[in-house]
Amino acid sequence: MSGATDPEIEGVEVVRRAAMAVSPTDVLAADGYLLGTPANLGYMSGALKHAFDIIYYPCLDSTRGRPFGLYLHGNEGTEGAEKGVTSITTGLGWVKAAEYVVVSGKPSKGDLQACWELGATVAAQLMEG
């Protein structure tokens, strides 16, 4: 959030929604997306999967070409989560704004900086002008 809301990024309203509370209306109203999830049992969280299940078909044709970023955290085996999110976002036609940020174990200062940069990158791509 802090990267996406940096004062140098102008004209971008950042709206935060929990995965279990997001609706197709929220996704349709947004111009880009920053996704975060733990990698549980080698896959994205059930909450993020639920969000995708809820929004997929209502947003399928209307959100193509929108940028997104992903950060995920796991102790091991994040590949399944990455693959699952990639498969769904590819189906939606979303465009990867930056490389995924994958954090293993306790987040380091570098990991936190990478997350900040991811948020800033997605938001900067949405700046008016």
C-alpha atoms as a PDB file:
ATOM      1  CA  MET A   1       0.000   0.000   0.000  1.00  0.00           C
ATOM      2  CA  SER A   2       2.746   2.459   0.866  1.00  0.00           C
ATOM      3  CA  GLY A   3       4.338   2.183  -2.575  1.00  0.00           C
ATOM      4  CA  ALA A   4       1.011   2.618  -4.353  1.00  0.00           C
ATOM      5  CA  THR A   5       0.174   5.674  -2.244  1.00  0.00           C
ATOM      6  CA  ASP A   6       3.559   7.401  -2.543  1.00  0.00           C
ATOM      7  CA  PRO A   7       3.082  11.191  -2.813  1.00  0.00           C
ATOM      8  CA  GLU A   8       4.889  11.242  -6.178  1.00  0.00           C
ATOM      9  CA  ILE A   9       2.091   9.155  -7.673  1.00  0.00           C
ATOM     10  CA  GLU A  10      -0.666  11.553  -8.592  1.00  0.00           C
ATOM     11  CA  GLY A  11      -4.201  11.023  -9.864  1.00  0.00           C
ATOM     12  CA  VAL A  12      -4.463   7.438  -8.592  1.00  0.00           C
ATOM     13  CA  GLU A  13      -6.998   6.517  -5.957  1.00  0.00           C
ATOM     14  CA  VAL A  14      -5.994   3.370  -4.102  1.00  0.00           C
ATOM     15  CA  VAL A  15      -8.848   1.272  -2.747  1.00  0.00           C
ATOM     16  CA  ARG A  16      -8.058  -1.682  -0.493  1.00  0.00           C
ATOM     17  CA  ARG A  17     -10.354  -4.713  -0.359  1.00  0.00           C
ATOM     18  CA  ALA A  18      -9.948  -7.961   1.524  1.00  0.00           C
ATOM     19  CA  ALA A  19     -10.125 -10.936  -0.819  1.00  0.00           C
ATOM     20  CA  MET A  20     -13.219 -12.307   0.930  1.00  0.00           C
ATOM     21  CA  ALA A  21     -15.000  -8.954   0.552  1.00  0.00           C
ATOM     22  CA  VAL A  22     -14.107  -8.055  -3.039  1.00  0.00           C
ATOM     23  CA  SER A  23     -16.950  -7.977  -5.554  1.00  0.00           C
ATOM     24  CA  PRO A  24     -17.151  -7.905  -9.340  1.00  0.00           C
ATOM     25  CA  THR A  25     -18.244  -4.269  -9.012  1.00  0.00           C
ATOM     26  CA  ASP A  26     -14.996  -3.460  -7.149  1.00  0.00           C
ATOM     27  CA  VAL A  27     -12.887  -5.128  -9.820  1.00  0.00           C
ATOM     28  CA  LEU A  28     -14.785  -3.521 -12.690  1.00  0.00           C
ATOM     29  CA  ALA A  29     -14.337  -0.088 -11.080  1.00  0.00           C
ATOM     30  CA  ALA A  30     -10.564  -0.499 -10.735  1.00  0.00           C
ATOM     31  CA  ASP A  31      -8.035   0.282 -13.449  1.00  0.00           C
ATOM     32  CA  GLY A  32      -5.375  -2.064 -12.049  1.00  0.00           C
ATOM     33  CA  TYR A  33      -4.816  -4.585  -9.297  1.00  0.00           C
ATOM     34  CA  LEU A  34      -2.265  -5.389  -6.633  1.00  0.00           C
ATOM     35  CA  LEU A  35      -2.730  -8.929  -5.344  1.00  0.00           C
ATOM     36  CA  GLY A  36      -1.181 -10.427  -2.248  1.00  0.00           C
ATOM     37  CA  THR A  37      -1.424 -13.932  -0.866  1.00  0.00           C
ATOM     38  CA  PRO A  38       0.314 -16.463   1.286  1.00  0.00           C
ATOM     39  CA  ALA A  39       1.271 -19.662  -0.477  1.00  0.00           C
ATOM     40  CA  ASN A  40      -0.675 -22.216   1.547  1.00  0.00           C
ATOM     41  CA  LEU A  41       0.015 -25.878   0.876  1.00  0.00           C
ATOM     42  CA  GLY A  42       1.675 -24.936  -2.406  1.00  0.00           C
ATOM     43  CA  TYR A  43      -1.226 -22.832  -3.719  1.00  0.00           C
ATOM     44  CA  MET A  44      -2.699 -19.354  -3.373  1.00  0.00           C
ATOM     45  CA  SER A  45      -4.844 -18.712  -0.316  1.00  0.00           C
ATOM     46  CA  GLY A  46      -8.427 -19.917  -0.344  1.00  0.00           C
ATOM     47  CA  ALA A  47      -9.490 -16.291   0.067  1.00  0.00           C
ATOM     48  CA  LEU A  48      -7.748 -15.169  -3.142  1.00  0.00           C
ATOM     49  CA  LYS A  49      -9.074 -18.201  -5.016  1.00  0.00           C
ATOM     50  CA  HIS A  50     -12.569 -17.339  -3.749  1.00  0.00           C
ATOM     51  CA  ALA A  51     -12.151 -13.761  -4.991  1.00  0.00           C
ATOM     52  CA  PHE A  52     -11.141 -15.017  -8.426  1.00  0.00           C
ATOM     53  CA  ASP A  53     -14.101 -17.431  -8.441  1.00  0.00           C
ATOM     54  CA  ILE A  54     -16.489 -14.561  -7.668  1.00  0.00           C
ATOM     55  CA  ILE A  55     -15.111 -12.050 -10.166  1.00  0.00           C
ATOM     56  CA  TYR A  56     -13.853 -14.206 -13.047  1.00  0.00           C
ATOM     57  CA  TYR A  57     -16.847 -14.430 -15.361  1.00  0.00           C
ATOM     58  CA  PRO A  58     -18.454 -11.066 -14.529  1.00  0.00           C
ATOM     59  CA  CYS A  59     -15.111  -9.335 -15.246  1.00  0.00           C
ATOM     60  CA  LEU A  60     -13.809 -11.557 -18.036  1.00  0.00           C
ATOM     61  CA  ASP A  61     -14.400  -9.293 -21.012  1.00  0.00           C
ATOM     62  CA  SER A  62     -14.359  -5.892 -19.309  1.00  0.00           C
ATOM     63  CA  THR A  63     -10.985  -5.946 -17.538  1.00  0.00           C
ATOM     64  CA  ARG A  64      -8.691  -7.212 -20.296  1.00  0.00           C
ATOM     65  CA  GLY A  65      -5.425  -5.324 -20.602  1.00  0.00           C
ATOM     66  CA  ARG A  66      -5.440  -3.963 -17.062  1.00  0.00           C
ATOM     67  CA  PRO A  67      -2.139  -4.112 -15.153  1.00  0.00           C
ATOM     68  CA  PHE A  68      -1.650  -6.198 -12.030  1.00  0.00           C
ATOM     69  CA  GLY A  69       1.076  -7.040  -9.589  1.00  0.00           C
ATOM     70  CA  LEU A  70       1.443  -9.991  -7.219  1.00  0.00           C
ATOM     71  CA  TYR A  71       3.313 -10.473  -3.996  1.00  0.00           C
ATOM     72  CA  LEU A  72       3.267 -13.759  -2.160  1.00  0.00           C
ATOM     73  CA  HIS A  73       4.774 -15.226   0.932  1.00  0.00           C
ATOM     74  CA  GLY A  74       5.513 -18.821   1.724  1.00  0.00           C
ATOM     75  CA  ASN A  75       8.011 -20.860   3.602  1.00  0.00           C
ATOM     76  CA  GLU A  76       8.457 -23.194   0.650  1.00  0.00           C
ATOM     77  CA  GLY A  77       6.657 -24.285  -2.481  1.00  0.00           C
ATOM     78  CA  THR A  78       5.372 -20.985  -3.854  1.00  0.00           C
ATOM     79  CA  GLU A  79       5.494 -22.228  -7.451  1.00  0.00           C
ATOM     80  CA  GLY A  80       1.947 -23.601  -7.332  1.00  0.00           C
ATOM     81  CA  ALA A  81       0.588 -20.271  -6.100  1.00  0.00           C
ATOM     82  CA  GLU A  82       2.481 -18.414  -8.831  1.00  0.00           C
ATOM     83  CA  LYS A  83       1.235 -20.812 -11.492  1.00  0.00           C
ATOM     84  CA  GLY A  84      -2.377 -20.588 -10.273  1.00  0.00           C
ATOM     85  CA  VAL A  85      -2.423 -16.781 -10.247  1.00  0.00           C
ATOM     86  CA  THR A  86      -0.691 -16.665 -13.643  1.00  0.00           C
ATOM     87  CA  SER A  87      -3.248 -19.038 -15.129  1.00  0.00           C
ATOM     88  CA  ILE A  88      -6.222 -17.048 -13.842  1.00  0.00           C
ATOM     89  CA  THR A  89      -4.840 -13.608 -14.699  1.00  0.00           C
ATOM     90  CA  THR A  90      -3.870 -14.830 -18.168  1.00  0.00           C
ATOM     91  CA  GLY A  91      -7.453 -16.013 -18.656  1.00  0.00           C
ATOM     92  CA  LEU A  92      -8.700 -12.608 -17.542  1.00  0.00           C
ATOM     93  CA  GLY A  93      -6.293 -10.939 -19.952  1.00  0.00           C
ATOM     94  CA  TRP A  94      -4.606  -8.892 -17.224  1.00  0.00           C
ATOM     95  CA  VAL A  95      -1.099  -7.632 -17.936  1.00  0.00           C
ATOM     96  CA  LYS A  96       1.725  -8.343 -15.516  1.00  0.00           C
ATOM     97  CA  ALA A  97       3.016  -4.901 -14.462  1.00  0.00           C
ATOM     98  CA  ALA A  98       6.233  -6.214 -12.900  1.00  0.00           C
ATOM     99  CA  GLU A  99       7.861  -9.438 -11.836  1.00  0.00           C
ATOM    100  CA  TYR A 100       6.126 -11.135  -8.930  1.00  0.00           C
ATOM    101  CA  VAL A 101       7.576 -10.511  -5.504  1.00  0.00           C
ATOM    102  CA  VAL A 102       8.075 -13.851  -3.777  1.00  0.00           C
ATOM    103  CA  VAL A 103       9.056 -13.783  -0.119  1.00  0.00           C
ATOM    104  CA  SER A 104      10.259 -16.930   1.617  1.00  0.00           C
ATOM    105  CA  GLY A 105      10.539 -17.080   5.371  1.00  0.00           C
ATOM    106  CA  LYS A 106      10.693 -13.935   7.467  1.00  0.00           C
ATOM    107  CA  PRO A 107      10.495 -10.853   5.192  1.00  0.00           C
ATOM    108  CA  SER A 108      13.793  -8.993   4.923  1.00  0.00           C
ATOM    109  CA  LYS A 109      14.268  -5.278   4.429  1.00  0.00           C
ATOM    110  CA  GLY A 110      14.909  -6.048   0.753  1.00  0.00           C
ATOM    111  CA  ASP A 111      11.658  -8.003   0.517  1.00  0.00           C
ATOM    112  CA  LEU A 112       9.720  -5.090   2.000  1.00  0.00           C
ATOM    113  CA  GLN A 113      11.403  -2.715  -0.449  1.00  0.00           C
ATOM    114  CA  ALA A 114      10.489  -5.011  -3.353  1.00  0.00           C
ATOM    115  CA  CYS A 115       6.854  -4.977  -2.204  1.00  0.00           C
ATOM    116  CA  TRP A 116       6.947  -1.170  -1.972  1.00  0.00           C
ATOM    117  CA  GLU A 117       8.352  -0.983  -5.504  1.00  0.00           C
ATOM    118  CA  LEU A 118       5.687  -3.379  -6.793  1.00  0.00           C
ATOM    119  CA  GLY A 119       2.890  -1.199  -5.402  1.00  0.00           C
ATOM    120  CA  ALA A 120       4.518   1.936  -6.794  1.00  0.00           C
ATOM    121  CA  THR A 121       5.024   0.311 -10.212  1.00  0.00           C
ATOM    122  CA  VAL A 122       1.386  -0.748 -10.561  1.00  0.00           C
ATOM    123  CA  ALA A 123       0.114   2.662  -9.394  1.00  0.00           C
ATOM    124  CA  ALA A 124       2.568   4.580 -11.606  1.00  0.00           C
ATOM    125  CA  GLN A 125       1.253   2.732 -14.654  1.00  0.00           C
ATOM    126  CA  LEU A 126      -2.183   4.124 -13.835  1.00  0.00           C
ATOM    127  CA  MET A 127      -1.147   7.768 -13.436  1.00  0.00           C
ATOM    128  CA  GLU A 128      -3.122  10.169 -15.564  1.00  0.00           C
ATOM    129  CA  GLY A 129      -1.123  12.054 -18.082  1.00  0.00           C
END
